Protein backbone atom coordinates (compact mmCIF):
# COMPACT_ATOMS: atom_id res chain seq x y z
CA MET A 1 57.86 114.52 34.09
CA LYS A 2 57.18 116.73 31.08
CA ILE A 3 58.83 116.06 27.72
CA ALA A 4 58.24 118.74 25.10
CA ILE A 5 58.50 117.91 21.39
CA ALA A 6 59.44 121.17 19.69
CA SER A 7 61.18 122.62 16.64
CA GLY A 8 62.26 125.89 15.10
CA LYS A 9 59.88 125.52 12.16
CA GLY A 10 56.74 123.74 11.07
CA GLY A 11 56.76 120.50 9.12
CA THR A 12 59.77 118.89 10.79
CA GLY A 13 57.77 116.04 12.32
CA LYS A 14 56.75 117.18 15.81
CA THR A 15 53.31 115.64 15.57
CA PHE A 16 54.71 112.54 13.90
CA LEU A 17 57.17 112.03 16.74
CA SER A 18 54.87 113.01 19.61
CA THR A 19 52.00 110.75 18.51
CA ASN A 20 54.13 107.70 17.75
CA LEU A 21 56.36 108.15 20.80
CA SER A 22 53.35 108.56 23.10
CA ALA A 23 51.59 105.48 21.76
CA PHE A 24 54.83 103.51 21.95
CA LEU A 25 55.59 104.53 25.56
CA SER A 26 52.00 103.95 26.64
CA GLU A 27 52.51 100.22 26.08
CA THR A 28 54.58 100.12 29.30
CA GLU A 29 54.21 103.53 30.99
CA PRO A 30 51.37 105.85 32.10
CA VAL A 31 51.46 108.55 29.43
CA VAL A 32 49.36 111.56 28.45
CA LEU A 33 49.81 113.22 25.06
CA ILE A 34 49.06 116.95 25.23
CA ASP A 35 48.51 118.93 22.04
CA LEU A 36 49.67 122.47 22.87
CA ASP A 37 49.52 123.70 19.29
CA VAL A 38 46.11 125.13 20.16
CA GLU A 39 45.74 127.24 17.01
CA GLU A 40 45.83 124.13 14.83
CA PRO A 41 45.81 120.94 16.95
CA ASN A 42 46.18 117.84 14.80
CA THR A 43 47.28 114.99 17.05
CA GLY A 44 43.66 113.83 16.99
CA LEU A 45 44.09 112.89 13.33
CA PHE A 46 46.37 110.04 14.46
CA ILE A 47 45.25 109.32 18.03
CA LYS A 48 41.59 108.47 17.45
CA GLY A 49 40.34 108.00 20.99
CA ASP A 50 36.99 108.20 22.74
CA LEU A 51 35.96 111.60 24.09
CA ILE A 52 35.90 111.57 27.90
CA LYS A 53 35.43 115.22 28.78
CA THR A 54 35.18 118.70 27.25
CA GLU A 55 35.80 121.89 29.23
CA ASN A 56 35.19 125.45 28.15
CA VAL A 57 38.14 127.74 28.86
CA PHE A 58 37.83 131.39 29.83
CA LYS A 59 40.10 134.33 30.45
CA PRO A 60 39.20 137.38 32.56
CA VAL A 61 38.84 140.69 30.72
CA PRO A 62 37.62 144.08 32.00
CA GLU A 63 34.12 145.35 31.24
CA TRP A 64 33.43 149.08 31.53
CA ASP A 65 30.75 150.15 34.00
CA ARG A 66 29.96 153.79 33.33
CA THR A 67 27.91 154.22 36.56
CA ASN A 68 30.64 155.79 38.74
CA CYS A 69 33.34 156.34 36.11
CA THR A 70 34.91 159.80 36.18
CA LEU A 71 36.84 159.27 32.93
CA CYS A 72 40.10 160.00 34.72
CA GLY A 73 42.03 157.92 32.17
CA LYS A 74 44.12 156.02 34.71
CA CYS A 75 43.04 152.71 33.23
CA GLN A 76 44.54 153.68 29.88
CA SER A 77 47.78 154.87 31.42
CA VAL A 78 48.39 151.64 33.38
CA CYS A 79 47.62 149.23 30.53
CA ASN A 80 50.85 148.12 28.88
CA PHE A 81 49.01 146.31 26.10
CA HIS A 82 46.78 149.14 24.78
CA ALA A 83 43.69 147.09 25.57
CA VAL A 84 41.93 150.01 27.32
CA LEU A 85 41.38 153.35 25.63
CA LYS A 86 39.73 156.55 26.84
CA VAL A 87 37.87 158.26 23.99
CA LYS A 88 35.96 161.46 24.77
CA ASP A 89 33.12 160.33 27.07
CA ALA A 90 33.68 156.56 27.04
CA ILE A 91 36.17 153.83 27.89
CA MET A 92 36.78 151.28 25.15
CA VAL A 93 38.03 147.79 25.96
CA PHE A 94 39.70 145.52 23.36
CA PRO A 95 39.50 141.96 24.76
CA GLU A 96 41.79 140.57 22.04
CA LEU A 97 44.65 142.70 23.36
CA CYS A 98 43.99 142.07 27.04
CA HIS A 99 46.56 139.98 28.94
CA SER A 100 44.37 139.64 32.06
CA CYS A 101 46.88 141.46 34.26
CA TYR A 102 44.08 143.12 36.30
CA ALA A 103 45.97 146.46 36.41
CA CYS A 104 43.11 148.55 35.02
CA SER A 105 40.53 146.82 37.21
CA GLU A 106 42.52 146.92 40.46
CA LEU A 107 43.83 150.47 40.02
CA CYS A 108 40.60 152.12 38.88
CA PRO A 109 39.67 154.58 41.71
CA GLU A 110 35.95 154.04 41.14
CA GLY A 111 35.97 150.30 40.44
CA SER A 112 34.53 150.91 36.99
CA LEU A 113 36.33 148.06 35.24
CA PRO A 114 35.19 144.81 36.88
CA MET A 115 36.61 141.66 35.31
CA LYS A 116 34.35 139.20 33.49
CA ASN A 117 35.09 135.84 31.92
CA GLU A 118 35.34 135.53 28.15
CA LYS A 119 35.43 132.14 26.45
CA ILE A 120 38.65 131.61 24.47
CA GLY A 121 38.49 127.91 23.61
CA ILE A 122 37.98 124.36 24.81
CA ILE A 123 40.02 121.49 26.22
CA ASN A 124 39.17 117.95 25.11
CA HIS A 125 40.23 114.79 26.95
CA TYR A 126 40.26 111.51 25.00
CA LYS A 127 41.21 107.93 25.84
CA TYR A 128 43.02 105.81 23.24
CA LYS A 129 43.80 102.31 24.50
CA GLU A 130 46.12 102.98 27.48
CA LEU A 131 46.97 106.50 26.31
CA ASP A 132 45.33 109.67 27.62
CA HIS A 133 45.11 112.41 25.01
CA VAL A 134 44.44 116.07 25.83
CA GLU A 135 44.11 118.85 23.27
CA GLY A 136 43.39 122.57 23.48
CA LYS A 137 41.43 124.31 20.71
CA LEU A 138 41.48 128.09 20.44
CA ASP A 139 38.23 129.71 19.33
CA ILE A 140 38.24 131.34 15.91
CA GLY A 141 39.00 135.05 16.19
CA GLN A 142 40.96 134.80 19.44
CA GLU A 143 44.34 136.52 19.21
CA GLN A 144 46.26 134.95 22.09
CA ALA A 145 47.19 131.29 22.29
CA VAL A 146 49.32 131.51 25.45
CA PRO A 147 46.49 131.53 28.07
CA LEU A 148 44.92 128.41 26.56
CA ILE A 149 48.33 126.70 26.24
CA ALA A 150 48.96 127.29 29.95
CA LEU A 151 45.57 125.88 30.98
CA THR A 152 45.85 122.89 28.62
CA ASN A 153 49.30 122.15 30.02
CA ASP A 154 47.91 122.21 33.56
CA PHE A 155 44.86 120.03 32.78
CA PRO A 156 46.48 116.62 33.53
CA ALA A 157 47.62 117.73 36.99
CA SER A 158 44.03 118.16 38.17
CA HIS A 159 42.35 115.37 36.18
CA LEU A 160 44.85 112.52 35.86
CA GLN A 161 47.15 110.55 38.12
CA LYS A 162 50.90 111.01 37.96
CA VAL A 163 51.91 110.41 34.35
CA ILE A 164 54.60 111.26 31.82
CA LYS A 165 53.49 114.22 29.74
CA ILE A 166 54.47 114.27 26.06
CA CYS A 167 53.69 117.70 24.64
CA ASP A 168 53.27 118.45 20.95
CA CYS A 169 54.38 122.09 20.90
CA PRO A 170 53.68 124.89 18.42
CA PRO A 171 56.51 125.63 15.97
CA GLY A 172 58.97 128.50 16.08
CA THR A 173 60.41 130.54 18.92
CA ALA A 174 57.60 133.01 19.65
CA CYS A 175 55.54 133.28 22.83
CA PRO A 176 53.40 130.13 22.27
CA ALA A 177 56.51 127.98 21.82
CA VAL A 178 58.22 129.48 24.87
CA GLU A 179 55.11 128.93 27.00
CA SER A 180 55.00 125.30 25.86
CA VAL A 181 58.60 124.44 26.79
CA LYS A 182 59.31 126.72 29.75
CA ASP A 183 58.55 124.10 32.43
CA ALA A 184 59.68 121.03 30.47
CA ASP A 185 62.11 118.63 32.08
CA LEU A 186 63.40 117.64 28.65
CA VAL A 187 62.91 119.20 25.21
CA ILE A 188 63.28 116.96 22.17
CA LEU A 189 63.85 119.01 19.03
CA THR A 190 62.83 117.53 15.70
CA ALA A 191 65.04 118.74 12.87
CA GLU A 192 65.33 118.26 9.13
CA PRO A 193 68.72 117.62 7.51
CA THR A 194 68.26 120.60 5.19
CA PRO A 195 69.70 124.16 5.15
CA PHE A 196 66.29 125.63 6.06
CA GLY A 197 65.83 123.08 8.84
CA LEU A 198 69.28 123.77 10.23
CA HIS A 199 68.71 127.54 10.20
CA ASP A 200 65.57 127.27 12.32
CA LEU A 201 67.06 124.59 14.55
CA LYS A 202 69.80 127.07 15.49
CA LEU A 203 67.16 129.63 16.49
CA MET A 204 65.45 127.14 18.79
CA VAL A 205 68.75 126.01 20.29
CA LYS A 206 69.59 129.63 21.15
CA SER A 207 66.19 130.03 22.81
CA LEU A 208 66.56 126.87 24.89
CA ILE A 209 70.05 127.88 26.00
CA ILE A 210 68.62 131.18 27.24
CA LEU A 211 65.80 129.29 29.00
CA LYS A 212 68.40 126.89 30.48
CA LYS A 213 66.50 123.83 29.32
CA LYS A 214 67.91 120.35 28.81
CA PHE A 215 67.42 119.31 25.19
CA ALA A 216 68.33 116.74 22.56
CA VAL A 217 67.70 116.37 18.83
CA VAL A 218 65.91 113.81 16.68
CA ILE A 219 66.72 114.14 12.99
CA ASN A 220 63.66 113.30 10.92
CA LYS A 221 63.63 112.52 7.18
CA TRP A 222 67.21 111.32 7.48
CA GLY A 223 68.68 110.76 4.02
CA VAL A 224 67.48 113.95 2.32
CA GLY A 225 69.53 117.13 2.19
CA ASN A 226 72.98 116.81 3.76
CA ASP A 227 74.71 116.07 7.06
CA ASP A 228 75.21 119.72 8.11
CA THR A 229 72.57 119.36 10.83
CA LEU A 230 74.36 116.36 12.28
CA ARG A 231 77.74 118.12 12.18
CA TYR A 232 76.24 121.21 13.84
CA CYS A 233 74.89 119.09 16.70
CA GLU A 234 78.25 117.35 17.10
CA ASN A 235 80.10 120.68 17.18
CA MET A 236 77.64 122.06 19.75
CA ASN A 237 77.73 118.86 21.85
CA ILE A 238 73.98 118.41 21.37
CA PRO A 239 72.90 114.76 21.73
CA VAL A 240 71.35 113.33 18.56
CA ILE A 241 69.29 110.57 20.11
CA ALA A 242 67.63 109.17 16.96
CA LYS A 243 67.60 109.45 13.18
CA ILE A 244 64.36 108.46 11.43
CA ASN A 245 64.91 107.56 7.79
CA ASN A 246 63.11 109.35 4.99
CA ASP A 247 60.88 106.55 3.68
CA ARG A 248 57.97 106.78 1.28
CA ARG A 249 56.10 104.08 3.18
CA ILE A 250 56.03 106.29 6.28
CA ALA A 251 54.60 109.18 4.24
CA GLU A 252 51.92 106.93 2.76
CA GLU A 253 50.80 105.67 6.17
CA TYR A 254 51.03 109.09 7.79
CA SER A 255 49.00 110.76 5.01
CA THR A 256 46.08 108.46 5.82
CA GLY A 257 46.21 109.23 9.55
CA ASN A 258 47.93 106.04 10.70
CA LEU A 259 50.57 105.56 13.36
CA VAL A 260 53.71 103.85 12.08
CA TYR A 261 55.67 102.75 15.16
CA ASP A 262 53.91 99.37 15.10
CA LYS A 263 54.31 98.90 11.34
CA PHE A 264 58.01 99.47 10.70
CA ASP A 265 60.75 97.93 12.80
CA PHE A 266 63.28 100.64 11.89
CA VAL A 267 60.94 103.31 13.36
CA ARG A 268 60.37 101.30 16.51
CA SER A 269 64.11 100.81 16.97
CA GLU A 270 64.66 104.59 16.86
CA LEU A 271 61.87 105.09 19.40
CA GLU A 272 63.62 102.54 21.61
CA LYS A 273 66.72 104.76 21.49
CA ILE A 274 64.63 107.77 22.52
CA LYS A 275 63.07 105.77 25.36
CA LYS A 276 66.50 104.76 26.60
CA TYR A 277 67.63 108.41 26.57
CA ILE A 278 64.51 109.45 28.46
CA THR A 279 65.06 106.63 30.95
CA ASP A 280 68.67 107.66 31.48
CA SER A 281 67.42 111.24 31.98
CA GLY A 282 65.23 110.07 34.86
CA ALA A 283 61.81 110.36 33.26
CA LEU A 284 61.02 106.67 33.36
CA ILE A 285 61.51 105.01 36.72
């Protein structure tokens, strides 16, 4: 069962919710926390586990072999991403633009574009008490997060027993966010009760409706702004499964890298509500 923690914008509390919810659920359930925000993973600031394994991650990209190349230009014409370019007496390859579709390599008449592996990042596996923690880290200079997100998301299936996956997703509604939620059984959206938060929540709701995903909302920093976000959810029949109060004590603990679910009863009670919703959804059996 995969539960994605997502939002329409950054700073709404995705990492706050995913880290505390994962640690809370791991007290009674087999859970793995997966940080899919591979361009800036930060769950490790709060889940300080022991490193179990590190894997290098690669993506296949074409490499030009001039030996038999006739410079016919077919490779350029079949590449939809402008990653291959014929210039005078050479073929140029731009790995940052390559989507590893194999079109240029497979359709080259002379086999002059064999695929090679290029390192794009790493996947780390940690153990924190009873919680497994997996994070992907994209190498500096790499343009595409989606391939690493997909491989990080698949890591638990081949390395861990059957567990509940809690995914800390990248913000927004672009390709990385879509890749992170596309196979989720349940998406929990964190939202702020502010005009800006509501605007971006609406964008994410539209995306999830198109993707036909089941989703619910947790309102974070409840008590600031107004109740427009709550009214919007009510009008749209979107379940609001928890409201976490805006409290300076949470900010103080969080700013020092501490989990708070075991320090404040009002946070734990809201996580209990989320657990009940997940249980009723069939994730916890």
